[in-house]
Amino acid sequence: MIRFVIKTLLVSFLCVTIGNILPLFSDMANQPIWLLTIAFYALLTILLRTWVAKSQQGSAIKFSTAVIGTTTAKMLLTIVIITTYLVSKMPSRELFVFGVFGVFVAFSVLFVIDVQRLIKGG
């Protein structure tokens, strides 16, 4: 689990760094809402991975339900985050949407790779 937390922190750091490196995105990357979004996805990924790891001890149906549930939860929360930001008329709305999609993909890739490792190891 500690390895996964370290990997999650590394992905978070990369998301922040890439956001600051891209000239077009640098204004958005310095807003507190952006850093909170990355922190939220990092925490959510760790919590959902913990749920999946615990469900691995049970039946195959529990494990499958946990994996599908985590995917559904992340997708719905992403829609809520994006919709809330768009409705609130905050600045750089298009950049935020593309950025959240990138963060979603980055943490989803990390999650999928780790779940595959769990399956092979378990």
Protein backbone atom coordinates (compact mmCIF):
# COMPACT_ATOMS: atom_id res chain seq x y z
CA MET A 1 0.00 0.00 0.00
CA ILE A 2 2.86 2.40 0.76
CA ARG A 3 4.20 1.87 -2.77
CA PHE A 4 0.82 2.85 -4.18
CA VAL A 5 0.65 6.00 -2.04
CA ILE A 6 4.12 6.99 -3.25
CA LYS A 7 3.08 6.38 -6.87
CA THR A 8 -0.04 8.45 -6.29
CA LEU A 9 2.02 11.31 -4.88
CA LEU A 10 4.33 11.05 -7.89
CA VAL A 11 1.39 11.25 -10.31
CA SER A 12 0.07 14.25 -8.35
CA PHE A 13 3.45 15.95 -8.59
CA LEU A 14 3.58 15.25 -12.34
CA CYS A 15 0.10 16.70 -12.83
CA VAL A 16 1.07 19.89 -11.01
CA THR A 17 4.42 20.12 -12.82
CA ILE A 18 3.01 19.50 -16.29
CA GLY A 19 0.30 22.07 -15.62
CA ASN A 20 2.92 24.66 -14.74
CA ILE A 21 5.19 23.77 -17.67
CA LEU A 22 2.52 24.15 -20.36
CA PRO A 23 2.36 27.86 -21.23
CA LEU A 24 -1.32 27.75 -22.15
CA PHE A 25 -2.28 26.05 -18.88
CA SER A 26 0.03 27.87 -16.45
CA ASP A 27 -2.61 30.41 -15.36
CA MET A 28 -5.04 27.64 -14.47
CA ALA A 29 -2.35 25.54 -12.79
CA ASN A 30 -1.66 28.24 -10.22
CA GLN A 31 -5.23 28.49 -8.97
CA PRO A 32 -6.06 26.85 -5.63
CA ILE A 33 -9.05 25.04 -7.18
CA TRP A 34 -6.68 23.21 -9.50
CA LEU A 35 -4.44 22.03 -6.67
CA LEU A 36 -7.51 20.98 -4.67
CA THR A 37 -8.78 19.00 -7.66
CA ILE A 38 -5.49 17.10 -7.96
CA ALA A 39 -5.43 16.46 -4.21
CA PHE A 40 -9.03 15.23 -4.35
CA TYR A 41 -8.25 12.76 -7.14
CA ALA A 42 -5.15 11.54 -5.29
CA LEU A 43 -7.11 10.92 -2.10
CA LEU A 44 -10.01 9.36 -4.00
CA THR A 45 -7.66 7.03 -5.87
CA ILE A 46 -6.04 5.86 -2.63
CA LEU A 47 -9.41 5.27 -0.96
CA LEU A 48 -10.84 3.40 -3.93
CA ARG A 49 -7.72 1.28 -4.28
CA THR A 50 -8.03 0.35 -0.59
CA TRP A 51 -11.63 -0.72 -1.19
CA VAL A 52 -10.63 -2.86 -4.17
CA ALA A 53 -7.74 -4.44 -2.25
CA LYS A 54 -10.07 -5.37 0.62
CA SER A 55 -12.65 -6.79 -1.76
CA GLN A 56 -10.00 -9.03 -3.30
CA GLN A 57 -10.06 -11.10 -0.11
CA GLY A 58 -13.71 -11.99 -0.76
CA SER A 59 -15.37 -13.56 -3.73
CA ALA A 60 -14.74 -12.74 -7.37
CA ILE A 61 -18.12 -11.03 -7.55
CA LYS A 62 -17.20 -8.69 -4.68
CA PHE A 63 -13.96 -7.83 -6.43
CA SER A 64 -15.68 -7.20 -9.77
CA THR A 65 -18.32 -5.08 -8.05
CA ALA A 66 -15.64 -3.03 -6.33
CA VAL A 67 -13.76 -2.39 -9.57
CA ILE A 68 -16.93 -1.42 -11.44
CA GLY A 69 -18.07 0.68 -8.47
CA THR A 70 -14.80 2.59 -8.34
CA THR A 71 -14.97 3.33 -12.05
CA THR A 72 -18.56 4.51 -11.77
CA ALA A 73 -17.82 6.65 -8.71
CA LYS A 74 -14.86 8.36 -10.37
CA MET A 75 -16.80 9.02 -13.56
CA LEU A 76 -19.79 10.49 -11.73
CA LEU A 77 -17.62 12.60 -9.44
CA THR A 78 -15.73 13.90 -12.47
CA ILE A 79 -19.00 14.97 -14.08
CA VAL A 80 -20.04 16.70 -10.83
CA ILE A 81 -16.69 18.51 -10.55
CA ILE A 82 -16.77 19.70 -14.15
CA THR A 83 -20.43 20.73 -14.04
CA THR A 84 -19.96 22.61 -10.77
CA TYR A 85 -16.99 24.50 -12.18
CA LEU A 86 -18.81 25.35 -15.40
CA VAL A 87 -21.95 26.54 -13.62
CA SER A 88 -19.97 28.69 -11.17
CA LYS A 89 -18.64 30.78 -14.09
CA MET A 90 -15.05 30.53 -12.86
CA PRO A 91 -12.24 31.66 -15.21
CA SER A 92 -10.56 29.37 -17.75
CA ARG A 93 -13.49 26.99 -17.93
CA GLU A 94 -12.34 25.15 -21.04
CA LEU A 95 -8.83 24.69 -19.67
CA PHE A 96 -10.20 23.35 -16.41
CA VAL A 97 -12.36 20.78 -18.21
CA PHE A 98 -9.43 19.52 -20.30
CA GLY A 99 -7.18 19.54 -17.25
CA VAL A 100 -9.64 17.53 -15.15
CA PHE A 101 -9.95 15.03 -17.97
CA GLY A 102 -6.13 14.70 -18.02
CA VAL A 103 -5.99 14.24 -14.25
CA PHE A 104 -8.82 11.68 -14.45
CA VAL A 105 -6.91 9.73 -17.09
CA ALA A 106 -3.60 9.90 -15.19
CA PHE A 107 -5.07 8.59 -11.94
CA SER A 108 -7.21 6.02 -13.76
CA VAL A 109 -4.13 4.62 -15.53
CA LEU A 110 -2.33 4.40 -12.19
CA PHE A 111 -5.34 2.66 -10.64
CA VAL A 112 -5.75 0.16 -13.48
CA ILE A 113 -2.06 -0.75 -13.49
CA ASP A 114 -2.14 -1.35 -9.74
CA VAL A 115 -5.35 -3.40 -9.89
CA GLN A 116 -3.78 -5.56 -12.58
CA ARG A 117 -0.80 -6.06 -10.28
CA LEU A 118 -3.21 -7.07 -7.50
CA ILE A 119 -4.89 -9.61 -9.78
CA LYS A 120 -1.60 -11.15 -10.85
CA GLY A 121 -0.28 -11.24 -7.29
CA GLY A 122 -3.47 -12.55 -5.72
